[in-house]
N, C-alpha and C. Protein backbone atom coordinates (compact mmCIF):
# COMPACT_ATOMS: atom_id res chain seq x y z
N MET A 1 27.22 -18.75 51.44
CA MET A 1 27.20 -17.61 52.34
C MET A 1 28.56 -16.93 52.33
N SER A 2 28.61 -15.68 51.96
CA SER A 2 29.88 -14.97 52.02
C SER A 2 29.81 -13.98 53.17
N GLN A 3 30.86 -13.93 53.92
CA GLN A 3 30.91 -13.02 55.05
C GLN A 3 32.07 -12.07 54.79
N HIS A 4 31.78 -10.89 54.39
CA HIS A 4 32.77 -9.93 53.93
C HIS A 4 33.75 -9.56 55.04
N GLY A 5 34.57 -10.54 55.47
CA GLY A 5 35.58 -10.28 56.48
C GLY A 5 35.06 -10.25 57.90
N ASP A 6 33.76 -10.02 58.09
CA ASP A 6 33.21 -9.88 59.44
C ASP A 6 32.00 -10.79 59.58
N PRO A 7 32.16 -11.92 60.27
CA PRO A 7 31.05 -12.86 60.41
C PRO A 7 30.01 -12.39 61.44
N SER A 8 30.26 -11.24 62.06
CA SER A 8 29.38 -10.74 63.10
C SER A 8 28.01 -10.37 62.55
N ARG A 9 27.05 -10.32 63.43
CA ARG A 9 25.70 -9.91 63.04
C ARG A 9 25.41 -8.49 63.53
N ILE A 10 26.42 -7.81 64.04
CA ILE A 10 26.27 -6.44 64.54
C ILE A 10 26.85 -5.46 63.53
N ILE A 11 26.07 -4.42 63.21
CA ILE A 11 26.57 -3.34 62.37
C ILE A 11 26.84 -2.17 63.32
N PRO A 12 28.15 -1.87 63.56
CA PRO A 12 28.50 -0.85 64.56
C PRO A 12 27.92 0.54 64.25
N ASP A 13 27.95 0.96 62.99
CA ASP A 13 27.44 2.27 62.60
C ASP A 13 26.61 2.11 61.32
N PRO A 14 25.29 1.95 61.45
CA PRO A 14 24.44 1.72 60.28
C PRO A 14 24.48 2.85 59.25
N PHE A 15 24.72 4.10 59.71
CA PHE A 15 24.76 5.24 58.80
C PHE A 15 26.01 5.16 57.91
N ARG A 16 27.12 4.81 58.51
CA ARG A 16 28.37 4.64 57.75
C ARG A 16 28.27 3.41 56.84
N PHE A 17 27.67 2.35 57.35
CA PHE A 17 27.45 1.11 56.59
C PHE A 17 26.71 1.44 55.29
N ALA A 18 25.65 2.27 55.38
CA ALA A 18 24.88 2.67 54.20
C ALA A 18 25.72 3.57 53.29
N ALA A 19 26.42 4.53 53.88
CA ALA A 19 27.22 5.47 53.09
C ALA A 19 28.31 4.75 52.29
N GLU A 20 28.85 3.67 52.86
CA GLU A 20 29.90 2.90 52.19
C GLU A 20 29.35 1.79 51.31
N ALA A 21 28.01 1.71 51.19
CA ALA A 21 27.33 0.69 50.38
C ALA A 21 27.84 -0.71 50.69
N ARG A 22 27.93 -1.00 51.97
CA ARG A 22 28.43 -2.31 52.40
C ARG A 22 27.31 -3.34 52.43
N THR A 23 27.70 -4.62 52.50
CA THR A 23 26.75 -5.73 52.56
C THR A 23 27.20 -6.68 53.67
N LEU A 24 26.24 -7.20 54.41
CA LEU A 24 26.52 -8.19 55.45
C LEU A 24 25.45 -9.26 55.31
N GLU A 25 25.87 -10.52 55.34
CA GLU A 25 24.88 -11.60 55.25
C GLU A 25 25.27 -12.73 56.19
N GLY A 26 24.28 -13.53 56.51
CA GLY A 26 24.52 -14.64 57.42
C GLY A 26 23.30 -15.52 57.55
N VAL A 27 23.38 -16.41 58.52
CA VAL A 27 22.30 -17.35 58.80
C VAL A 27 22.00 -17.27 60.29
N GLY A 28 20.72 -17.27 60.64
CA GLY A 28 20.33 -17.24 62.04
C GLY A 28 19.47 -18.44 62.38
N ALA A 29 19.76 -19.06 63.51
CA ALA A 29 18.96 -20.19 63.98
C ALA A 29 17.64 -19.67 64.53
N VAL A 30 16.55 -20.31 64.15
CA VAL A 30 15.23 -19.92 64.62
C VAL A 30 15.16 -20.05 66.15
N ALA A 31 15.82 -21.04 66.71
CA ALA A 31 15.80 -21.27 68.16
C ALA A 31 16.42 -20.10 68.93
N ASP A 32 17.30 -19.30 68.27
CA ASP A 32 17.92 -18.14 68.92
C ASP A 32 16.99 -16.93 68.96
N MET A 33 15.88 -17.00 68.24
CA MET A 33 14.93 -15.89 68.19
C MET A 33 13.77 -16.23 69.12
N LEU A 34 13.94 -15.87 70.39
CA LEU A 34 13.00 -16.32 71.43
C LEU A 34 11.58 -15.79 71.24
N ARG A 35 11.43 -14.53 70.84
CA ARG A 35 10.07 -13.99 70.64
C ARG A 35 9.38 -14.71 69.49
N LEU A 36 10.13 -15.00 68.44
CA LEU A 36 9.57 -15.70 67.29
C LEU A 36 9.22 -17.14 67.64
N SER A 37 10.09 -17.81 68.40
CA SER A 37 9.87 -19.21 68.77
C SER A 37 8.53 -19.41 69.47
N ASP A 38 8.08 -18.41 70.23
CA ASP A 38 6.79 -18.51 70.93
C ASP A 38 5.62 -18.62 69.97
N ALA A 39 5.78 -18.11 68.75
CA ALA A 39 4.69 -18.10 67.77
C ALA A 39 4.73 -19.30 66.82
N LEU A 40 5.67 -20.22 67.02
CA LEU A 40 5.88 -21.31 66.09
C LEU A 40 5.48 -22.67 66.67
N ALA A 41 5.18 -23.63 65.78
CA ALA A 41 4.92 -25.00 66.20
C ALA A 41 6.24 -25.68 66.57
N SER A 42 7.34 -25.26 65.92
CA SER A 42 8.66 -25.83 66.17
C SER A 42 9.70 -24.76 65.90
N SER A 43 10.72 -24.70 66.74
CA SER A 43 11.78 -23.70 66.54
C SER A 43 12.99 -24.30 65.83
N VAL A 44 12.77 -25.42 65.14
CA VAL A 44 13.84 -26.06 64.38
C VAL A 44 14.02 -25.29 63.07
N GLY A 45 15.25 -25.19 62.63
CA GLY A 45 15.52 -24.56 61.33
C GLY A 45 16.31 -23.28 61.45
N GLN A 46 16.50 -22.65 60.30
CA GLN A 46 17.27 -21.41 60.25
C GLN A 46 16.77 -20.55 59.09
N VAL A 47 17.12 -19.28 59.15
CA VAL A 47 16.79 -18.36 58.07
C VAL A 47 18.08 -17.69 57.61
N SER A 48 18.18 -17.43 56.32
CA SER A 48 19.32 -16.69 55.82
C SER A 48 18.90 -15.24 55.64
N TRP A 49 19.83 -14.32 55.90
CA TRP A 49 19.52 -12.90 55.82
C TRP A 49 20.65 -12.15 55.12
N ARG A 50 20.31 -10.97 54.61
CA ARG A 50 21.28 -10.13 53.93
C ARG A 50 20.86 -8.67 54.14
N VAL A 51 21.82 -7.83 54.50
CA VAL A 51 21.58 -6.40 54.66
C VAL A 51 22.49 -5.68 53.67
N GLU A 52 21.89 -4.82 52.85
CA GLU A 52 22.65 -4.03 51.88
C GLU A 52 22.44 -2.55 52.19
N GLY A 53 23.54 -1.83 52.33
CA GLY A 53 23.47 -0.39 52.57
C GLY A 53 23.56 0.38 51.28
N SER A 54 22.91 1.55 51.25
CA SER A 54 22.99 2.42 50.07
C SER A 54 22.58 3.83 50.48
N MET A 55 22.81 4.76 49.57
CA MET A 55 22.38 6.14 49.76
C MET A 55 21.45 6.49 48.61
N VAL A 56 20.38 7.22 48.90
CA VAL A 56 19.45 7.67 47.86
C VAL A 56 19.30 9.18 47.96
N GLU A 57 18.91 9.79 46.85
CA GLU A 57 18.71 11.24 46.85
C GLU A 57 17.54 11.60 47.75
N GLY A 58 17.80 12.47 48.70
CA GLY A 58 16.75 12.95 49.58
C GLY A 58 16.34 14.35 49.18
N VAL A 59 15.43 14.95 49.93
CA VAL A 59 14.96 16.30 49.65
C VAL A 59 16.09 17.31 49.79
N GLU A 60 16.87 17.18 50.90
CA GLU A 60 17.95 18.14 51.16
C GLU A 60 19.33 17.56 50.89
N ALA A 61 19.50 16.28 51.18
CA ALA A 61 20.81 15.64 51.04
C ALA A 61 20.58 14.14 50.84
N PRO A 62 21.63 13.41 50.43
CA PRO A 62 21.48 11.96 50.30
C PRO A 62 21.08 11.33 51.64
N GLU A 63 20.22 10.32 51.58
CA GLU A 63 19.73 9.66 52.79
C GLU A 63 20.13 8.20 52.79
N PRO A 64 20.44 7.66 53.98
CA PRO A 64 20.85 6.25 54.07
C PRO A 64 19.66 5.31 53.94
N ARG A 65 19.91 4.15 53.34
CA ARG A 65 18.90 3.09 53.25
C ARG A 65 19.56 1.77 53.59
N LEU A 66 18.79 0.90 54.22
CA LEU A 66 19.22 -0.48 54.49
C LEU A 66 18.16 -1.39 53.90
N ARG A 67 18.57 -2.28 53.03
CA ARG A 67 17.63 -3.25 52.46
C ARG A 67 17.88 -4.59 53.13
N LEU A 68 16.85 -5.13 53.76
CA LEU A 68 16.96 -6.41 54.46
C LEU A 68 16.14 -7.45 53.70
N THR A 69 16.80 -8.55 53.36
CA THR A 69 16.09 -9.69 52.77
C THR A 69 16.30 -10.89 53.68
N VAL A 70 15.24 -11.65 53.87
CA VAL A 70 15.27 -12.84 54.73
C VAL A 70 14.56 -13.96 53.99
N GLU A 71 15.16 -15.14 53.98
CA GLU A 71 14.55 -16.31 53.37
C GLU A 71 14.72 -17.52 54.27
N GLY A 72 13.77 -18.41 54.21
CA GLY A 72 13.83 -19.64 54.99
C GLY A 72 12.47 -20.28 55.06
N GLU A 73 12.31 -21.17 56.01
CA GLU A 73 11.03 -21.84 56.20
C GLU A 73 10.79 -22.01 57.69
N LEU A 74 9.60 -21.66 58.14
CA LEU A 74 9.22 -21.78 59.54
C LEU A 74 8.11 -22.81 59.67
N GLN A 75 7.99 -23.39 60.86
CA GLN A 75 6.91 -24.33 61.16
C GLN A 75 5.87 -23.60 62.02
N LEU A 76 4.77 -23.22 61.38
CA LEU A 76 3.69 -22.54 62.09
C LEU A 76 2.65 -23.56 62.54
N CYS A 77 1.77 -23.15 63.43
CA CYS A 77 0.69 -24.01 63.91
C CYS A 77 -0.59 -23.63 63.17
N CYS A 78 -1.15 -24.58 62.41
CA CYS A 78 -2.39 -24.36 61.67
C CYS A 78 -3.51 -24.06 62.68
N GLN A 79 -4.24 -22.98 62.45
CA GLN A 79 -5.30 -22.59 63.38
C GLN A 79 -6.57 -23.41 63.20
N ARG A 80 -6.64 -24.21 62.16
CA ARG A 80 -7.81 -25.06 61.93
C ARG A 80 -7.60 -26.45 62.55
N CYS A 81 -6.51 -27.12 62.16
CA CYS A 81 -6.31 -28.50 62.64
C CYS A 81 -5.30 -28.59 63.79
N LEU A 82 -4.64 -27.47 64.10
CA LEU A 82 -3.65 -27.37 65.17
C LEU A 82 -2.36 -28.17 64.90
N GLY A 83 -2.19 -28.64 63.67
CA GLY A 83 -0.97 -29.35 63.28
C GLY A 83 0.08 -28.38 62.79
N GLY A 84 1.30 -28.85 62.67
CA GLY A 84 2.37 -28.02 62.14
C GLY A 84 2.22 -27.85 60.64
N MET A 85 2.67 -26.72 60.14
CA MET A 85 2.64 -26.47 58.70
C MET A 85 3.85 -25.64 58.29
N ALA A 86 4.43 -26.00 57.16
CA ALA A 86 5.59 -25.26 56.66
C ALA A 86 5.12 -23.93 56.07
N TRP A 87 5.82 -22.85 56.41
CA TRP A 87 5.51 -21.52 55.89
C TRP A 87 6.80 -20.90 55.36
N PRO A 88 6.86 -20.60 54.07
CA PRO A 88 8.07 -20.00 53.51
C PRO A 88 8.22 -18.54 53.93
N VAL A 89 9.39 -18.19 54.45
CA VAL A 89 9.68 -16.82 54.85
C VAL A 89 10.25 -16.08 53.64
N GLN A 90 9.65 -14.98 53.28
CA GLN A 90 10.13 -14.13 52.19
C GLN A 90 9.97 -12.68 52.64
N VAL A 91 11.01 -12.10 53.22
CA VAL A 91 10.96 -10.72 53.68
C VAL A 91 11.89 -9.90 52.80
N ASP A 92 11.41 -8.75 52.34
CA ASP A 92 12.23 -7.82 51.57
C ASP A 92 11.81 -6.42 52.02
N SER A 93 12.57 -5.83 52.94
CA SER A 93 12.21 -4.54 53.53
C SER A 93 13.28 -3.50 53.23
N VAL A 94 12.83 -2.29 52.97
CA VAL A 94 13.75 -1.17 52.81
C VAL A 94 13.54 -0.26 54.02
N LEU A 95 14.62 -0.01 54.75
CA LEU A 95 14.55 0.76 55.99
C LEU A 95 15.37 2.04 55.86
N GLN A 96 14.87 3.11 56.45
CA GLN A 96 15.63 4.34 56.51
C GLN A 96 16.06 4.56 57.96
N PRO A 97 17.36 4.41 58.24
CA PRO A 97 17.80 4.67 59.60
C PRO A 97 17.68 6.17 59.93
N VAL A 98 17.16 6.44 61.13
CA VAL A 98 17.00 7.81 61.62
C VAL A 98 17.59 7.83 63.02
N ARG A 99 18.38 8.85 63.32
CA ARG A 99 18.97 8.94 64.66
C ARG A 99 17.86 9.25 65.68
N SER A 100 17.99 8.67 66.88
CA SER A 100 17.00 8.88 67.94
C SER A 100 16.81 10.37 68.19
N GLY A 101 15.55 10.76 68.28
CA GLY A 101 15.23 12.16 68.53
C GLY A 101 15.11 12.99 67.26
N GLN A 102 15.64 12.50 66.14
CA GLN A 102 15.55 13.22 64.87
C GLN A 102 14.17 12.99 64.29
N PRO A 103 13.51 14.03 63.80
CA PRO A 103 12.17 13.83 63.24
C PRO A 103 12.23 12.99 61.96
N ILE A 104 11.20 12.19 61.78
CA ILE A 104 11.09 11.38 60.56
C ILE A 104 10.48 12.28 59.49
N PRO A 105 11.14 12.40 58.33
CA PRO A 105 10.61 13.29 57.28
C PRO A 105 9.18 12.89 56.89
N GLU A 106 8.34 13.92 56.64
CA GLU A 106 6.93 13.70 56.28
C GLU A 106 6.77 12.78 55.08
N ASP A 107 7.63 12.95 54.07
CA ASP A 107 7.46 12.14 52.86
C ASP A 107 7.76 10.66 53.16
N GLU A 108 8.57 10.38 54.17
CA GLU A 108 8.85 8.99 54.55
C GLU A 108 7.64 8.38 55.26
N LEU A 109 6.92 9.19 56.00
CA LEU A 109 5.73 8.68 56.70
C LEU A 109 4.65 8.27 55.71
N GLU A 110 4.62 8.91 54.54
CA GLU A 110 3.60 8.61 53.54
C GLU A 110 4.04 7.52 52.57
N ASP A 111 5.33 7.18 52.56
CA ASP A 111 5.88 6.21 51.61
C ASP A 111 5.79 4.81 52.20
N ASP A 112 4.95 3.94 51.58
CA ASP A 112 4.78 2.58 52.07
C ASP A 112 5.95 1.68 51.70
N GLU A 113 6.81 2.12 50.80
CA GLU A 113 7.95 1.30 50.35
C GLU A 113 9.11 1.34 51.34
N VAL A 114 9.16 2.38 52.17
CA VAL A 114 10.29 2.57 53.08
C VAL A 114 9.76 2.72 54.50
N ASP A 115 10.39 2.02 55.44
CA ASP A 115 10.04 2.15 56.86
C ASP A 115 11.19 2.82 57.59
N ALA A 116 10.88 3.84 58.37
CA ALA A 116 11.91 4.49 59.17
C ALA A 116 12.21 3.62 60.38
N ILE A 117 13.48 3.58 60.77
CA ILE A 117 13.89 2.81 61.95
C ILE A 117 14.80 3.71 62.78
N GLU A 118 14.39 3.95 64.02
CA GLU A 118 15.15 4.83 64.90
C GLU A 118 16.31 4.05 65.51
N LEU A 119 17.52 4.58 65.35
CA LEU A 119 18.71 3.89 65.82
C LEU A 119 19.59 4.81 66.66
N ASP A 120 20.16 4.25 67.69
CA ASP A 120 21.20 4.90 68.49
C ASP A 120 22.38 3.96 68.53
N GLY A 121 23.41 4.25 67.77
CA GLY A 121 24.59 3.37 67.78
C GLY A 121 24.42 2.17 66.89
N GLU A 122 24.83 1.00 67.41
CA GLU A 122 24.90 -0.21 66.59
C GLU A 122 23.53 -0.82 66.30
N LEU A 123 23.52 -1.68 65.27
CA LEU A 123 22.30 -2.38 64.86
C LEU A 123 22.53 -3.88 64.99
N ASP A 124 21.71 -4.54 65.80
CA ASP A 124 21.76 -6.00 65.94
C ASP A 124 20.89 -6.57 64.82
N VAL A 125 21.53 -7.12 63.80
CA VAL A 125 20.82 -7.59 62.61
C VAL A 125 19.87 -8.73 62.95
N LEU A 126 20.27 -9.66 63.82
CA LEU A 126 19.40 -10.79 64.14
C LEU A 126 18.11 -10.32 64.83
N ALA A 127 18.21 -9.30 65.68
CA ALA A 127 17.00 -8.74 66.31
C ALA A 127 16.11 -8.08 65.26
N LEU A 128 16.73 -7.39 64.28
CA LEU A 128 15.97 -6.78 63.20
C LEU A 128 15.29 -7.85 62.35
N VAL A 129 16.02 -8.93 62.05
CA VAL A 129 15.47 -10.05 61.28
C VAL A 129 14.25 -10.61 62.00
N GLU A 130 14.38 -10.82 63.30
CA GLU A 130 13.28 -11.35 64.10
C GLU A 130 12.06 -10.41 64.06
N ASP A 131 12.30 -9.11 64.21
CA ASP A 131 11.21 -8.13 64.15
C ASP A 131 10.47 -8.20 62.81
N GLU A 132 11.24 -8.24 61.72
CA GLU A 132 10.63 -8.24 60.39
C GLU A 132 9.86 -9.53 60.13
N ILE A 133 10.36 -10.67 60.62
CA ILE A 133 9.62 -11.93 60.46
C ILE A 133 8.32 -11.89 61.25
N LEU A 134 8.38 -11.38 62.49
CA LEU A 134 7.18 -11.28 63.31
C LEU A 134 6.11 -10.42 62.63
N LEU A 135 6.55 -9.34 61.97
CA LEU A 135 5.60 -8.48 61.26
C LEU A 135 5.00 -9.18 60.03
N ALA A 136 5.74 -10.11 59.45
CA ALA A 136 5.29 -10.80 58.24
C ALA A 136 4.43 -12.04 58.52
N LEU A 137 4.42 -12.53 59.75
CA LEU A 137 3.66 -13.74 60.07
C LEU A 137 2.18 -13.56 59.76
N PRO A 138 1.53 -14.59 59.21
CA PRO A 138 0.08 -14.50 59.00
C PRO A 138 -0.64 -14.48 60.36
N ILE A 139 -1.76 -13.78 60.40
CA ILE A 139 -2.52 -13.67 61.65
C ILE A 139 -3.10 -15.01 62.08
N ALA A 140 -3.68 -15.73 61.15
CA ALA A 140 -4.28 -17.04 61.44
C ALA A 140 -3.82 -18.04 60.37
N PRO A 141 -2.62 -18.60 60.53
CA PRO A 141 -2.13 -19.53 59.50
C PRO A 141 -2.99 -20.79 59.41
N ARG A 142 -3.27 -21.22 58.17
CA ARG A 142 -4.07 -22.43 57.96
C ARG A 142 -3.56 -23.16 56.73
N HIS A 143 -3.65 -24.49 56.78
CA HIS A 143 -3.37 -25.29 55.59
C HIS A 143 -4.41 -24.93 54.52
N GLN A 144 -4.06 -25.11 53.26
CA GLN A 144 -5.03 -24.89 52.19
C GLN A 144 -6.20 -25.87 52.35
N VAL A 145 -5.87 -27.13 52.70
CA VAL A 145 -6.88 -28.16 52.90
C VAL A 145 -6.53 -28.92 54.17
N CYS A 146 -7.43 -28.93 55.13
CA CYS A 146 -7.24 -29.74 56.34
C CYS A 146 -8.59 -29.90 57.04
N ASP A 147 -8.67 -30.87 57.91
CA ASP A 147 -9.90 -31.11 58.66
C ASP A 147 -9.76 -30.55 60.06
N ALA A 148 -10.84 -30.03 60.57
CA ALA A 148 -10.85 -29.57 61.96
C ALA A 148 -10.67 -30.78 62.87
N PRO A 149 -10.10 -30.60 64.06
CA PRO A 149 -9.94 -31.74 64.97
C PRO A 149 -11.29 -32.35 65.33
N GLN A 150 -11.33 -33.68 65.38
CA GLN A 150 -12.56 -34.41 65.70
C GLN A 150 -12.55 -34.78 67.18
N PRO A 151 -13.73 -34.88 67.80
CA PRO A 151 -13.78 -35.35 69.20
C PRO A 151 -13.22 -36.78 69.28
N GLU A 152 -12.84 -37.18 70.48
CA GLU A 152 -12.29 -38.53 70.66
C GLU A 152 -13.27 -39.57 70.16
N GLY A 153 -12.75 -40.58 69.51
CA GLY A 153 -13.60 -41.61 68.94
C GLY A 153 -13.91 -41.34 67.47
N GLY A 154 -13.62 -40.13 67.00
CA GLY A 154 -13.79 -39.81 65.60
C GLY A 154 -15.20 -39.42 65.19
N ALA A 155 -16.17 -39.59 66.07
CA ALA A 155 -17.55 -39.23 65.71
C ALA A 155 -17.71 -37.72 65.78
N SER A 156 -18.39 -37.18 64.82
CA SER A 156 -18.58 -35.74 64.87
C SER A 156 -19.82 -35.45 65.72
N LYS A 157 -19.69 -34.49 66.58
CA LYS A 157 -20.75 -34.13 67.49
C LYS A 157 -21.66 -33.10 66.83
N GLU A 158 -22.95 -33.20 67.09
CA GLU A 158 -23.88 -32.21 66.55
C GLU A 158 -23.67 -30.90 67.27
N SER A 159 -23.75 -29.83 66.55
CA SER A 159 -23.57 -28.51 67.13
C SER A 159 -24.67 -28.25 68.16
N PRO A 160 -24.34 -27.62 69.29
CA PRO A 160 -25.38 -27.30 70.27
C PRO A 160 -26.38 -26.27 69.72
N PHE A 161 -26.01 -25.59 68.64
CA PHE A 161 -26.91 -24.60 68.06
C PHE A 161 -27.87 -25.21 67.03
N ALA A 162 -27.66 -26.47 66.68
CA ALA A 162 -28.53 -27.13 65.71
C ALA A 162 -29.96 -27.19 66.24
N ALA A 163 -30.13 -27.47 67.54
CA ALA A 163 -31.47 -27.53 68.14
C ALA A 163 -32.12 -26.15 68.09
N LEU A 164 -31.37 -25.11 68.33
CA LEU A 164 -31.90 -23.75 68.26
C LEU A 164 -32.35 -23.42 66.84
N ALA A 165 -31.54 -23.84 65.85
CA ALA A 165 -31.88 -23.57 64.46
C ALA A 165 -33.20 -24.24 64.09
N SER A 166 -33.41 -25.48 64.58
CA SER A 166 -34.66 -26.17 64.26
C SER A 166 -35.84 -25.48 64.94
N LEU A 167 -35.67 -24.97 66.16
CA LEU A 167 -36.74 -24.24 66.85
C LEU A 167 -37.08 -22.96 66.10
N ARG A 168 -36.05 -22.27 65.67
CA ARG A 168 -36.25 -21.02 64.96
C ARG A 168 -37.00 -21.26 63.65
N GLY A 169 -36.65 -22.36 62.97
CA GLY A 169 -37.31 -22.70 61.71
C GLY A 169 -38.79 -22.99 61.91
N SER A 170 -39.16 -23.71 62.97
CA SER A 170 -40.58 -24.05 63.18
C SER A 170 -41.34 -22.84 63.69
N HIS A 171 -40.67 -21.95 64.40
CA HIS A 171 -41.32 -20.78 64.96
C HIS A 171 -41.65 -19.77 63.87
N SER A 172 -40.82 -19.67 62.83
CA SER A 172 -41.04 -18.65 61.80
C SER A 172 -42.16 -19.06 60.83
N ALA A 173 -42.64 -20.32 60.91
CA ALA A 173 -43.70 -20.78 60.03
C ALA A 173 -45.05 -20.19 60.46
N ASN A 174 -45.16 -19.73 61.69
CA ASN A 174 -46.44 -19.20 62.19
C ASN A 174 -46.78 -17.86 61.64
């Protein structure tokens, strides 16, 4: 991990950061991301992140871009067996900072590769990392192979709808 003179996770002026093509990287503890911790089986661990600023040719003038990459591993709760499962975090987002109140250019709204982000002043990178991870989480995480939880005693219970299915089957024979 290299910290280019500033170990902070705050970018005071994201527009200048992009114009100067600066880079900031660090590591964030999952336990410090409270909104994310609520969605996890365990808040143990950390993620590494990197923000790279750049300028790209825009319609009228060069436009700022921030590229955020995040890597790590989270412990999600399997929706089938309710056990913990390791989920690799791989986020690679390109963001266009826009000043609050400034309209987002139409071509940016249609471009799926770039997301506009409205900013006033400084950028808290760890909050941005948390937002991007939350957006990347699977809706219903599941192990590739696992068994559904069994009732106590290990015996599988017959479905209450099995009796209905047998009634329906005998009724349709008439």
